[in-house]
Amino acid sequence: MRLAAVESPRQRLDVLNTLHYRPELFGRAFSAATDLALRGRSDWTPGERELFAAYVSALNQCLF
């Protein structure tokens, strides 16, 4: 069952809709964790980490 507030007939469910649906429950915490993973201290540059994320998304057949 899909929530009408998250998805309309012309709009597919995606990560941005999920983040904005209930930000206090999931969106803010997930965004903070993602920001730390991609921008926090590391031996890899933020660009390298973005490339890793894009590669994993492609392996998982993710569209974003």
PDB file of N, CA and C in Angstrom:
ATOM      1  N   MET A   1       0.848  -1.184   0.000  1.00  0.00           N
ATOM      2  CA  MET A   1       0.000   0.000   0.000  1.00  0.00           C
ATOM      3  C   MET A   1       0.892   1.246   0.000  1.00  0.00           C
ATOM      4  N   ARG A   2       0.622   2.167  -0.862  1.00  0.00           N
ATOM      5  CA  ARG A   2       1.402   3.399  -0.947  1.00  0.00           C
ATOM      6  C   ARG A   2       0.608   4.551  -0.360  1.00  0.00           C
ATOM      7  N   LEU A   3       1.315   5.479   0.228  1.00  0.00           N
ATOM      8  CA  LEU A   3       0.670   6.631   0.842  1.00  0.00           C
ATOM      9  C   LEU A   3       0.410   7.725  -0.187  1.00  0.00           C
ATOM     10  N   ALA A   4      -0.792   8.217  -0.223  1.00  0.00           N
ATOM     11  CA  ALA A   4      -1.152   9.260  -1.180  1.00  0.00           C
ATOM     12  C   ALA A   4      -0.341  10.529  -0.945  1.00  0.00           C
ATOM     13  N   ALA A   5       0.033  10.799   0.304  1.00  0.00           N
ATOM     14  CA  ALA A   5       0.804  11.999   0.617  1.00  0.00           C
ATOM     15  C   ALA A   5       2.215  11.927   0.049  1.00  0.00           C
ATOM     16  N   VAL A   6       2.702  10.731  -0.185  1.00  0.00           N
ATOM     17  CA  VAL A   6       4.062  10.559  -0.684  1.00  0.00           C
ATOM     18  C   VAL A   6       4.077  10.436  -2.195  1.00  0.00           C
ATOM     19  N   GLU A   7       3.083   9.778  -2.745  1.00  0.00           N
ATOM     20  CA  GLU A   7       3.116   9.506  -4.172  1.00  0.00           C
ATOM     21  C   GLU A   7       1.779   9.834  -4.826  1.00  0.00           C
ATOM     22  N   SER A   8       1.841  10.607  -5.868  1.00  0.00           N
ATOM     23  CA  SER A   8       0.653  10.876  -6.663  1.00  0.00           C
ATOM     24  C   SER A   8       0.710   9.971  -7.886  1.00  0.00           C
ATOM     25  N   PRO A   9      -0.373   9.836  -8.632  1.00  0.00           N
ATOM     26  CA  PRO A   9      -0.354   8.967  -9.813  1.00  0.00           C
ATOM     27  C   PRO A   9       0.723   9.326 -10.824  1.00  0.00           C
ATOM     28  N   ARG A  10       1.098  10.599 -10.911  1.00  0.00           N
ATOM     29  CA  ARG A  10       2.097  11.029 -11.893  1.00  0.00           C
ATOM     30  C   ARG A  10       3.512  11.072 -11.322  1.00  0.00           C
ATOM     31  N   GLN A  11       3.683  10.656 -10.088  1.00  0.00           N
ATOM     32  CA  GLN A  11       4.984  10.818  -9.436  1.00  0.00           C
ATOM     33  C   GLN A  11       5.389   9.508  -8.787  1.00  0.00           C
ATOM     34  N   ARG A  12       6.576   9.012  -9.111  1.00  0.00           N
ATOM     35  CA  ARG A  12       7.016   7.752  -8.517  1.00  0.00           C
ATOM     36  C   ARG A  12       7.619   8.014  -7.139  1.00  0.00           C
ATOM     37  N   LEU A  13       7.576   7.002  -6.309  1.00  0.00           N
ATOM     38  CA  LEU A  13       8.170   7.090  -4.982  1.00  0.00           C
ATOM     39  C   LEU A  13       9.684   7.093  -5.129  1.00  0.00           C
ATOM     40  N   ASP A  14      10.352   8.079  -4.594  1.00  0.00           N
ATOM     41  CA  ASP A  14      11.798   8.133  -4.654  1.00  0.00           C
ATOM     42  C   ASP A  14      12.352   8.625  -3.331  1.00  0.00           C
ATOM     43  N   VAL A  15      13.647   8.714  -3.269  1.00  0.00           N
ATOM     44  CA  VAL A  15      14.314   9.059  -2.025  1.00  0.00           C
ATOM     45  C   VAL A  15      13.931  10.450  -1.532  1.00  0.00           C
ATOM     46  N   LEU A  16      13.790  11.410  -2.417  1.00  0.00           N
ATOM     47  CA  LEU A  16      13.441  12.764  -1.984  1.00  0.00           C
ATOM     48  C   LEU A  16      12.044  12.825  -1.382  1.00  0.00           C
ATOM     49  N   ASN A  17      11.105  12.115  -1.978  1.00  0.00           N
ATOM     50  CA  ASN A  17       9.757  12.076  -1.400  1.00  0.00           C
ATOM     51  C   ASN A  17       9.794  11.452  -0.006  1.00  0.00           C
ATOM     52  N   THR A  18      10.579  10.406   0.149  1.00  0.00           N
ATOM     53  CA  THR A  18      10.696   9.739   1.448  1.00  0.00           C
ATOM     54  C   THR A  18      11.304  10.679   2.487  1.00  0.00           C
ATOM     55  N   LEU A  19      12.342  11.413   2.094  1.00  0.00           N
ATOM     56  CA  LEU A  19      12.990  12.340   3.029  1.00  0.00           C
ATOM     57  C   LEU A  19      12.047  13.455   3.468  1.00  0.00           C
ATOM     58  N   HIS A  20      11.204  13.924   2.548  1.00  0.00           N
ATOM     59  CA  HIS A  20      10.325  15.050   2.854  1.00  0.00           C
ATOM     60  C   HIS A  20       8.997  14.654   3.483  1.00  0.00           C
ATOM     61  N   TYR A  21       8.629  13.383   3.425  1.00  0.00           N
ATOM     62  CA  TYR A  21       7.325  12.974   3.942  1.00  0.00           C
ATOM     63  C   TYR A  21       7.228  13.189   5.448  1.00  0.00           C
ATOM     64  N   ARG A  22       8.166  12.661   6.210  1.00  0.00           N
ATOM     65  CA  ARG A  22       8.193  12.839   7.670  1.00  0.00           C
ATOM     66  C   ARG A  22       9.632  13.136   8.081  1.00  0.00           C
ATOM     67  N   PRO A  23      10.106  14.359   7.845  1.00  0.00           N
ATOM     68  CA  PRO A  23      11.517  14.671   8.092  1.00  0.00           C
ATOM     69  C   PRO A  23      11.947  14.445   9.537  1.00  0.00           C
ATOM     70  N   GLU A  24      11.049  14.678  10.491  1.00  0.00           N
ATOM     71  CA  GLU A  24      11.411  14.495  11.900  1.00  0.00           C
ATOM     72  C   GLU A  24      11.626  13.030  12.244  1.00  0.00           C
ATOM     73  N   LEU A  25      11.037  12.128  11.460  1.00  0.00           N
ATOM     74  CA  LEU A  25      11.141  10.699  11.742  1.00  0.00           C
ATOM     75  C   LEU A  25      12.320  10.063  11.022  1.00  0.00           C
ATOM     76  N   PHE A  26      12.553  10.466   9.783  1.00  0.00           N
ATOM     77  CA  PHE A  26      13.587   9.813   8.985  1.00  0.00           C
ATOM     78  C   PHE A  26      14.497  10.803   8.264  1.00  0.00           C
ATOM     79  N   GLY A  27      13.919  11.783   7.631  1.00  0.00           N
ATOM     80  CA  GLY A  27      14.653  12.664   6.727  1.00  0.00           C
ATOM     81  C   GLY A  27      15.848  13.367   7.325  1.00  0.00           C
ATOM     82  N   ARG A  28      15.665  14.018   8.466  1.00  0.00           N
ATOM     83  CA  ARG A  28      16.790  14.775   9.053  1.00  0.00           C
ATOM     84  C   ARG A  28      17.914  13.855   9.515  1.00  0.00           C
ATOM     85  N   ALA A  29      17.564  12.747  10.164  1.00  0.00           N
ATOM     86  CA  ALA A  29      18.592  11.815  10.654  1.00  0.00           C
ATOM     87  C   ALA A  29      19.345  11.176   9.481  1.00  0.00           C
ATOM     88  N   PHE A  30      18.625  10.779   8.448  1.00  0.00           N
ATOM     89  CA  PHE A  30      19.260  10.175   7.278  1.00  0.00           C
ATOM     90  C   PHE A  30      20.148  11.186   6.564  1.00  0.00           C
ATOM     91  N   SER A  31      19.661  12.407   6.417  1.00  0.00           N
ATOM     92  CA  SER A  31      20.451  13.454   5.766  1.00  0.00           C
ATOM     93  C   SER A  31      21.727  13.757   6.550  1.00  0.00           C
ATOM     94  N   ALA A  32      21.622  13.784   7.873  1.00  0.00           N
ATOM     95  CA  ALA A  32      22.802  14.038   8.710  1.00  0.00           C
ATOM     96  C   ALA A  32      23.817  12.907   8.581  1.00  0.00           C
ATOM     97  N   ALA A  33      23.338  11.665   8.562  1.00  0.00           N
ATOM     98  CA  ALA A  33      24.240  10.515   8.424  1.00  0.00           C
ATOM     99  C   ALA A  33      24.910  10.513   7.053  1.00  0.00           C
ATOM    100  N   THR A  34      24.148  10.835   6.015  1.00  0.00           N
ATOM    101  CA  THR A  34      24.704  10.892   4.675  1.00  0.00           C
ATOM    102  C   THR A  34      25.738  12.009   4.567  1.00  0.00           C
ATOM    103  N   ASP A  35      25.440  13.160   5.142  1.00  0.00           N
ATOM    104  CA  ASP A  35      26.376  14.282   5.109  1.00  0.00           C
ATOM    105  C   ASP A  35      27.676  13.913   5.821  1.00  0.00           C
ATOM    106  N   LEU A  36      27.581  13.250   6.962  1.00  0.00           N
ATOM    107  CA  LEU A  36      28.775  12.826   7.692  1.00  0.00           C
ATOM    108  C   LEU A  36      29.583  11.826   6.872  1.00  0.00           C
ATOM    109  N   ALA A  37      28.903  10.885   6.238  1.00  0.00           N
ATOM    110  CA  ALA A  37      29.605   9.874   5.438  1.00  0.00           C
ATOM    111  C   ALA A  37      30.297  10.482   4.223  1.00  0.00           C
ATOM    112  N   LEU A  38      29.655  11.455   3.594  1.00  0.00           N
ATOM    113  CA  LEU A  38      30.218  12.028   2.367  1.00  0.00           C
ATOM    114  C   LEU A  38      31.098  13.244   2.596  1.00  0.00           C
ATOM    115  N   ARG A  39      30.946  13.911   3.731  1.00  0.00           N
ATOM    116  CA  ARG A  39      31.691  15.156   3.955  1.00  0.00           C
ATOM    117  C   ARG A  39      32.558  15.148   5.216  1.00  0.00           C
ATOM    118  N   GLY A  40      32.422  14.128   6.051  1.00  0.00           N
ATOM    119  CA  GLY A  40      33.202  14.062   7.292  1.00  0.00           C
ATOM    120  C   GLY A  40      34.676  13.769   7.029  1.00  0.00           C
ATOM    121  N   ARG A  41      35.454  13.682   8.091  1.00  0.00           N
ATOM    122  CA  ARG A  41      36.889  13.417   7.968  1.00  0.00           C
ATOM    123  C   ARG A  41      37.112  12.054   7.325  1.00  0.00           C
ATOM    124  N   SER A  42      38.036  12.007   6.375  1.00  0.00           N
ATOM    125  CA  SER A  42      38.330  10.761   5.675  1.00  0.00           C
ATOM    126  C   SER A  42      39.618  10.916   4.886  1.00  0.00           C
ATOM    127  N   ASP A  43      40.225   9.790   4.543  1.00  0.00           N
ATOM    128  CA  ASP A  43      41.382   9.812   3.660  1.00  0.00           C
ATOM    129  C   ASP A  43      40.958  10.073   2.219  1.00  0.00           C
ATOM    130  N   TRP A  44      39.679   9.863   1.907  1.00  0.00           N
ATOM    131  CA  TRP A  44      39.154  10.088   0.563  1.00  0.00           C
ATOM    132  C   TRP A  44      38.532  11.465   0.462  1.00  0.00           C
ATOM    133  N   THR A  45      38.615  12.060  -0.712  1.00  0.00           N
ATOM    134  CA  THR A  45      38.003  13.373  -0.937  1.00  0.00           C
ATOM    135  C   THR A  45      36.482  13.208  -1.041  1.00  0.00           C
ATOM    136  N   PRO A  46      35.729  14.287  -0.835  1.00  0.00           N
ATOM    137  CA  PRO A  46      34.279  14.194  -1.043  1.00  0.00           C
ATOM    138  C   PRO A  46      33.917  13.725  -2.458  1.00  0.00           C
ATOM    139  N   GLY A  47      34.683  14.135  -3.445  1.00  0.00           N
ATOM    140  CA  GLY A  47      34.434  13.696  -4.822  1.00  0.00           C
ATOM    141  C   GLY A  47      34.604  12.191  -4.989  1.00  0.00           C
ATOM    142  N   GLU A  48      35.654  11.637  -4.362  1.00  0.00           N
ATOM    143  CA  GLU A  48      35.866  10.187  -4.425  1.00  0.00           C
ATOM    144  C   GLU A  48      34.718   9.444  -3.747  1.00  0.00           C
ATOM    145  N   ARG A  49      34.266   9.966  -2.620  1.00  0.00           N
ATOM    146  CA  ARG A  49      33.156   9.311  -1.911  1.00  0.00           C
ATOM    147  C   ARG A  49      31.864   9.387  -2.719  1.00  0.00           C
ATOM    148  N   GLU A  50      31.629  10.510  -3.409  1.00  0.00           N
ATOM    149  CA  GLU A  50      30.458  10.626  -4.283  1.00  0.00           C
ATOM    150  C   GLU A  50      30.548   9.608  -5.422  1.00  0.00           C
ATOM    151  N   LEU A  51      31.754   9.428  -5.956  1.00  0.00           N
ATOM    152  CA  LEU A  51      31.950   8.448  -7.021  1.00  0.00           C
ATOM    153  C   LEU A  51      31.677   7.038  -6.512  1.00  0.00           C
ATOM    154  N   PHE A  52      32.127   6.714  -5.307  1.00  0.00           N
ATOM    155  CA  PHE A  52      31.831   5.402  -4.715  1.00  0.00           C
ATOM    156  C   PHE A  52      30.325   5.203  -4.583  1.00  0.00           C
ATOM    157  N   ALA A  53      29.631   6.236  -4.107  1.00  0.00           N
ATOM    158  CA  ALA A  53      28.181   6.156  -3.932  1.00  0.00           C
ATOM    159  C   ALA A  53      27.482   5.961  -5.277  1.00  0.00           C
ATOM    160  N   ALA A  54      27.939   6.663  -6.291  1.00  0.00           N
ATOM    161  CA  ALA A  54      27.343   6.520  -7.623  1.00  0.00           C
ATOM    162  C   ALA A  54      27.578   5.115  -8.171  1.00  0.00           C
ATOM    163  N   TYR A  55      28.764   4.576  -7.952  1.00  0.00           N
ATOM    164  CA  TYR A  55      29.083   3.225  -8.421  1.00  0.00           C
ATOM    165  C   TYR A  55      28.197   2.187  -7.735  1.00  0.00           C
ATOM    166  N   VAL A  56      28.055   2.290  -6.427  1.00  0.00           N
ATOM    167  CA  VAL A  56      27.203   1.350  -5.685  1.00  0.00           C
ATOM    168  C   VAL A  56      25.752   1.484  -6.145  1.00  0.00           C
ATOM    169  N   SER A  57      25.287   2.708  -6.367  1.00  0.00           N
ATOM    170  CA  SER A  57      23.926   2.913  -6.857  1.00  0.00           C
ATOM    171  C   SER A  57      23.747   2.235  -8.212  1.00  0.00           C
ATOM    172  N   ALA A  58      24.739   2.355  -9.083  1.00  0.00           N
ATOM    173  CA  ALA A  58      24.651   1.711 -10.393  1.00  0.00           C
ATOM    174  C   ALA A  58      24.612   0.192 -10.249  1.00  0.00           C
ATOM    175  N   LEU A  59      25.417  -0.356  -9.358  1.00  0.00           N
ATOM    176  CA  LEU A  59      25.395  -1.804  -9.124  1.00  0.00           C
ATOM    177  C   LEU A  59      24.023  -2.267  -8.634  1.00  0.00           C
ATOM    178  N   ASN A  60      23.380  -1.426  -7.842  1.00  0.00           N
ATOM    179  CA  ASN A  60      22.051  -1.746  -7.306  1.00  0.00           C
ATOM    180  C   ASN A  60      20.918  -1.332  -8.252  1.00  0.00           C
ATOM    181  N   GLN A  61      21.285  -0.898  -9.456  1.00  0.00           N
ATOM    182  CA  GLN A  61      20.323  -0.453 -10.472  1.00  0.00           C
ATOM    183  C   GLN A  61      19.426   0.672  -9.953  1.00  0.00           C
ATOM    184  N   CYS A  62      20.029   1.567  -9.190  1.00  0.00           N
ATOM    185  CA  CYS A  62      19.350   2.719  -8.628  1.00  0.00           C
ATOM    186  C   CYS A  62      19.392   3.857  -9.648  1.00  0.00           C
ATOM    187  N   LEU A  63      18.309   4.598  -9.786  1.00  0.00           N
ATOM    188  CA  LEU A  63      18.245   5.654 -10.800  1.00  0.00           C
ATOM    189  C   LEU A  63      18.814   6.986 -10.356  1.00  0.00           C
ATOM    190  N   PHE A  64      19.214   7.143  -9.114  1.00  0.00           N
ATOM    191  CA  PHE A  64      19.746   8.429  -8.675  1.00  0.00           C
ATOM    192  C   PHE A  64      21.210   8.313  -8.350  1.00  0.00           C
TER     193      PHE A  64
END
